């Protein structure tokens, strides 16, 4: 149960964009380009969105917004652990009624923890998705302009799980160029460098 509580406690970190992140569809071209040799580029679109100065700032602000809830869940989890240990060590000295009462209290708090953790996770994922979609639309506009200016006839997204790209030389990767172009257009300064932190254990499907 402690493992499940730990998973429930994890409030999302970094850019847990998951597969839910959607890339804006390319608009229909008004006219077909003149025939000529294809010029192809690749881009890690989700990475580009996440690593723009605006993206880093916005997602960091979202993390800070949920810090109080993360702390609240940790306090509740610690309380459940403490009550559970007390019952395990003192159970044989308690009456049957007292053991049952304490067990019910622990069970109620576990359910509360699970419910509040799921609500927080759902709320954060929804806000993260909305934030991503809004920013992705603007980054896509910059990507389209950049591609047209540099004569690219096709840009493939290598961040997709089902990408058809098996190999691409680094010279065809325009991810950083798109990030730089967006940063110039947005005017958002780079976020201050953060001190290195020890990596936290990750749980699939959980927000931390």
Protein backbone atom coordinates (compact mmCIF):
# COMPACT_ATOMS: atom_id res chain seq x y z
CA UNK A 1 0.00 0.00 0.00
CA UNK A 2 2.92 2.30 0.72
CA UNK A 3 4.03 1.90 -2.88
CA UNK A 4 0.59 2.90 -4.15
CA UNK A 5 0.61 5.92 -1.83
CA UNK A 6 3.99 6.96 -3.15
CA UNK A 7 2.67 6.75 -6.69
CA UNK A 8 -0.40 8.74 -5.76
CA UNK A 9 1.74 11.42 -4.17
CA UNK A 10 3.84 12.16 -7.22
CA UNK A 11 2.77 15.59 -8.52
CA UNK A 12 3.92 16.24 -12.06
CA UNK A 13 7.33 17.65 -12.86
CA UNK A 14 9.24 18.81 -15.88
CA UNK A 15 7.21 18.39 -19.00
CA UNK A 16 5.01 15.42 -18.57
CA UNK A 17 3.39 16.15 -21.88
CA UNK A 18 2.77 12.46 -22.55
CA UNK A 19 1.19 11.23 -25.77
CA UNK A 20 -1.77 13.53 -25.13
CA UNK A 21 0.13 16.54 -26.46
CA UNK A 22 -1.23 17.40 -29.87
CA UNK A 23 0.59 19.06 -32.70
CA UNK A 24 -1.42 21.62 -34.72
CA UNK A 25 -2.39 20.35 -38.14
CA UNK A 26 -0.65 21.92 -41.08
CA UNK A 27 -2.83 24.39 -42.98
CA UNK A 28 -3.80 23.63 -46.54
CA UNK A 29 -1.43 25.33 -48.94
CA UNK A 30 -2.99 28.00 -51.13
CA UNK A 31 -0.91 26.95 -54.11
CA UNK A 32 1.43 24.09 -54.92
CA UNK A 33 5.14 25.01 -54.83
CA UNK A 34 7.14 24.99 -58.03
CA UNK A 35 8.52 21.61 -58.98
CA UNK A 36 12.09 21.00 -57.85
CA UNK A 37 14.24 18.83 -55.62
CA UNK A 38 12.71 18.17 -52.21
CA UNK A 39 14.38 19.79 -49.23
CA UNK A 40 13.54 17.87 -46.07
CA UNK A 41 14.11 18.70 -42.40
CA UNK A 42 13.26 17.03 -39.12
CA UNK A 43 12.14 18.61 -35.86
CA UNK A 44 11.39 17.31 -32.38
CA UNK A 45 8.28 19.43 -32.05
CA UNK A 46 7.32 18.69 -28.45
CA UNK A 47 10.93 19.27 -27.40
CA UNK A 48 10.94 22.57 -29.25
CA UNK A 49 7.77 23.71 -27.48
CA UNK A 50 9.05 22.64 -24.08
CA UNK A 51 12.48 24.22 -24.48
CA UNK A 52 11.41 27.66 -25.63
CA UNK A 53 12.02 30.31 -22.99
CA UNK A 54 8.27 30.85 -22.75
CA UNK A 55 7.64 27.13 -22.38
CA UNK A 56 10.22 26.72 -19.63
CA UNK A 57 8.83 29.71 -17.75
CA UNK A 58 5.19 28.69 -18.11
CA UNK A 59 5.68 25.09 -17.05
CA UNK A 60 7.87 26.15 -14.12
CA UNK A 61 5.10 28.50 -12.99
CA UNK A 62 2.64 25.62 -13.22
CA UNK A 63 4.87 23.49 -11.01
CA UNK A 64 5.04 26.24 -8.41
CA UNK A 65 1.27 26.57 -8.47
CA UNK A 66 0.92 22.94 -7.37
CA UNK A 67 3.69 22.98 -4.76
CA UNK A 68 1.25 23.66 -1.86
CA UNK A 69 -0.90 20.70 -2.93
CA UNK A 70 2.18 18.49 -3.17
CA UNK A 71 3.14 19.42 0.37
CA UNK A 72 -0.41 18.84 1.60
CA UNK A 73 -0.42 15.35 0.10
CA UNK A 74 2.94 14.57 1.64
CA UNK A 75 1.68 15.57 5.10
CA UNK A 76 -1.36 13.33 4.66
CA UNK A 77 0.77 10.44 3.40
CA UNK A 78 3.15 10.77 6.36
CA UNK A 79 0.16 10.74 8.70
CA UNK A 80 -1.15 7.53 7.12
CA UNK A 81 2.28 5.91 7.44
CA UNK A 82 2.56 6.95 11.09
CA UNK A 83 -0.91 5.67 12.01
CA UNK A 84 -0.23 2.41 10.19
CA UNK A 85 3.02 1.83 12.07
CA UNK A 86 1.33 2.61 15.38
CA UNK A 87 -1.39 0.08 14.69
CA UNK A 88 1.17 -2.55 13.69
CA UNK A 89 3.26 -2.08 16.85
CA UNK A 90 0.41 -1.52 19.31
CA UNK A 91 -2.29 -3.67 17.80
CA UNK A 92 -1.89 -6.60 20.18
CA UNK A 93 -2.33 -4.25 23.15
CA UNK A 94 -5.57 -2.73 21.90
CA UNK A 95 -9.10 -3.94 22.28
CA UNK A 96 -10.82 -5.31 19.21
CA UNK A 97 -13.04 -2.23 19.04
CA UNK A 98 -10.05 0.13 19.26
CA UNK A 99 -8.17 -1.78 16.54
CA UNK A 100 -11.21 -1.63 14.30
CA UNK A 101 -11.63 2.10 14.94
CA UNK A 102 -8.01 2.86 14.12
CA UNK A 103 -8.09 0.65 11.04
CA UNK A 104 -11.14 2.53 9.79
CA UNK A 105 -9.41 5.87 10.37
CA UNK A 106 -6.41 4.71 8.37
CA UNK A 107 -8.61 3.40 5.57
CA UNK A 108 -10.57 6.67 5.40
CA UNK A 109 -7.35 8.70 5.21
CA UNK A 110 -5.95 6.42 2.51
CA UNK A 111 -9.09 6.95 0.45
CA UNK A 112 -8.84 10.71 1.02
CA UNK A 113 -5.20 10.69 -0.07
CA UNK A 114 -5.98 8.69 -3.21
CA UNK A 115 -8.93 10.91 -4.11
CA UNK A 116 -7.08 14.19 -3.57
CA UNK A 117 -3.99 12.97 -5.43
CA UNK A 118 -6.07 11.90 -8.42
CA UNK A 119 -7.96 15.22 -8.44
CA UNK A 120 -4.70 17.17 -8.29
CA UNK A 121 -3.18 15.07 -11.05
CA UNK A 122 -6.20 15.49 -13.31
CA UNK A 123 -6.32 19.25 -12.72
CA UNK A 124 -2.62 19.67 -13.40
CA UNK A 125 -2.67 17.51 -16.52
CA UNK A 126 -5.60 19.52 -17.90
CA UNK A 127 -3.82 22.82 -17.27
CA UNK A 128 -0.60 21.45 -18.72
CA UNK A 129 -2.43 20.27 -21.84
CA UNK A 130 -4.11 23.64 -22.34
CA UNK A 131 -0.82 25.44 -21.81
CA UNK A 132 0.96 23.16 -24.26
CA UNK A 133 -1.70 23.45 -26.95
CA UNK A 134 -1.68 27.25 -26.79
CA UNK A 135 2.11 27.45 -26.98
CA UNK A 136 2.37 24.71 -29.62
CA UNK A 137 0.12 26.67 -31.96
CA UNK A 138 2.43 29.70 -31.74
CA UNK A 139 5.58 27.61 -32.14
CA UNK A 140 4.05 25.95 -35.19
CA UNK A 141 3.54 29.34 -36.83
CA UNK A 142 7.24 30.10 -36.32
CA UNK A 143 8.16 26.64 -37.63
CA UNK A 144 6.07 27.17 -40.77
CA UNK A 145 7.60 30.59 -41.42
CA UNK A 146 11.13 29.32 -40.82
CA UNK A 147 10.58 26.35 -43.16
CA UNK A 148 9.23 28.55 -45.93
CA UNK A 149 12.07 31.05 -45.60
CA UNK A 150 14.67 28.28 -45.83
CA UNK A 151 12.99 26.43 -48.68
CA UNK A 152 11.99 23.26 -46.87
CA UNK A 153 9.33 21.31 -48.75
CA UNK A 154 8.76 18.77 -45.97
CA UNK A 155 9.35 18.79 -42.21
CA UNK A 156 8.98 15.52 -40.28
CA UNK A 157 8.28 15.42 -36.54
CA UNK A 158 10.72 12.95 -34.98
CA UNK A 159 9.17 13.42 -31.52
CA UNK A 160 6.15 11.32 -32.48
CA UNK A 161 6.13 7.74 -31.21
CA UNK A 162 5.21 6.39 -34.65
CA UNK A 163 7.63 8.55 -36.60
CA UNK A 164 8.60 7.07 -39.98
CA UNK A 165 12.10 8.57 -39.69
CA UNK A 166 14.75 5.89 -39.19
CA UNK A 167 17.76 8.10 -39.85
CA UNK A 168 18.42 11.80 -40.33
CA UNK A 169 21.72 13.65 -40.35
CA UNK A 170 22.13 16.34 -37.71
CA UNK A 171 22.28 18.99 -40.41
CA UNK A 172 18.61 18.36 -41.20
CA UNK A 173 17.49 18.87 -37.58
CA UNK A 174 15.97 22.34 -37.24
CA UNK A 175 14.72 21.95 -33.66
CA UNK A 176 17.21 24.39 -32.12
CA UNK A 177 16.79 26.84 -34.96
CA UNK A 178 13.02 26.89 -34.41
CA UNK A 179 13.50 27.34 -30.64
CA UNK A 180 15.88 30.25 -31.24
CA UNK A 181 13.53 31.84 -33.78
CA UNK A 182 10.61 31.57 -31.38
CA UNK A 183 12.60 33.04 -28.49
CA UNK A 184 13.48 36.04 -30.64
CA UNK A 185 9.86 36.53 -31.69
CA UNK A 186 8.41 36.08 -28.19
CA UNK A 187 10.98 38.29 -26.50
CA UNK A 188 10.82 36.10 -23.38
CA UNK A 189 14.26 35.97 -21.72
CA UNK A 190 15.93 32.70 -20.85
CA UNK A 191 15.03 31.43 -17.35
CA UNK A 192 17.76 31.61 -14.70
CA UNK A 193 19.94 28.54 -14.40
CA UNK A 194 18.70 26.10 -11.78
CA UNK A 195 21.09 24.30 -9.39
CA UNK A 196 21.60 20.67 -10.24
CA UNK A 197 19.37 18.34 -8.24
CA UNK A 198 19.51 14.63 -7.66
CA UNK A 199 17.13 12.84 -10.04
CA UNK A 200 13.90 11.73 -8.40
CA UNK A 201 12.49 8.25 -9.00
CA UNK A 202 9.89 8.27 -11.74
CA UNK A 203 6.63 6.37 -11.78
CA UNK A 204 4.84 5.72 -15.09
CA UNK A 205 1.55 7.56 -15.32
CA UNK A 206 2.13 9.57 -12.16
CA UNK A 207 2.73 13.27 -11.87
CA UNK A 208 5.58 14.29 -9.71
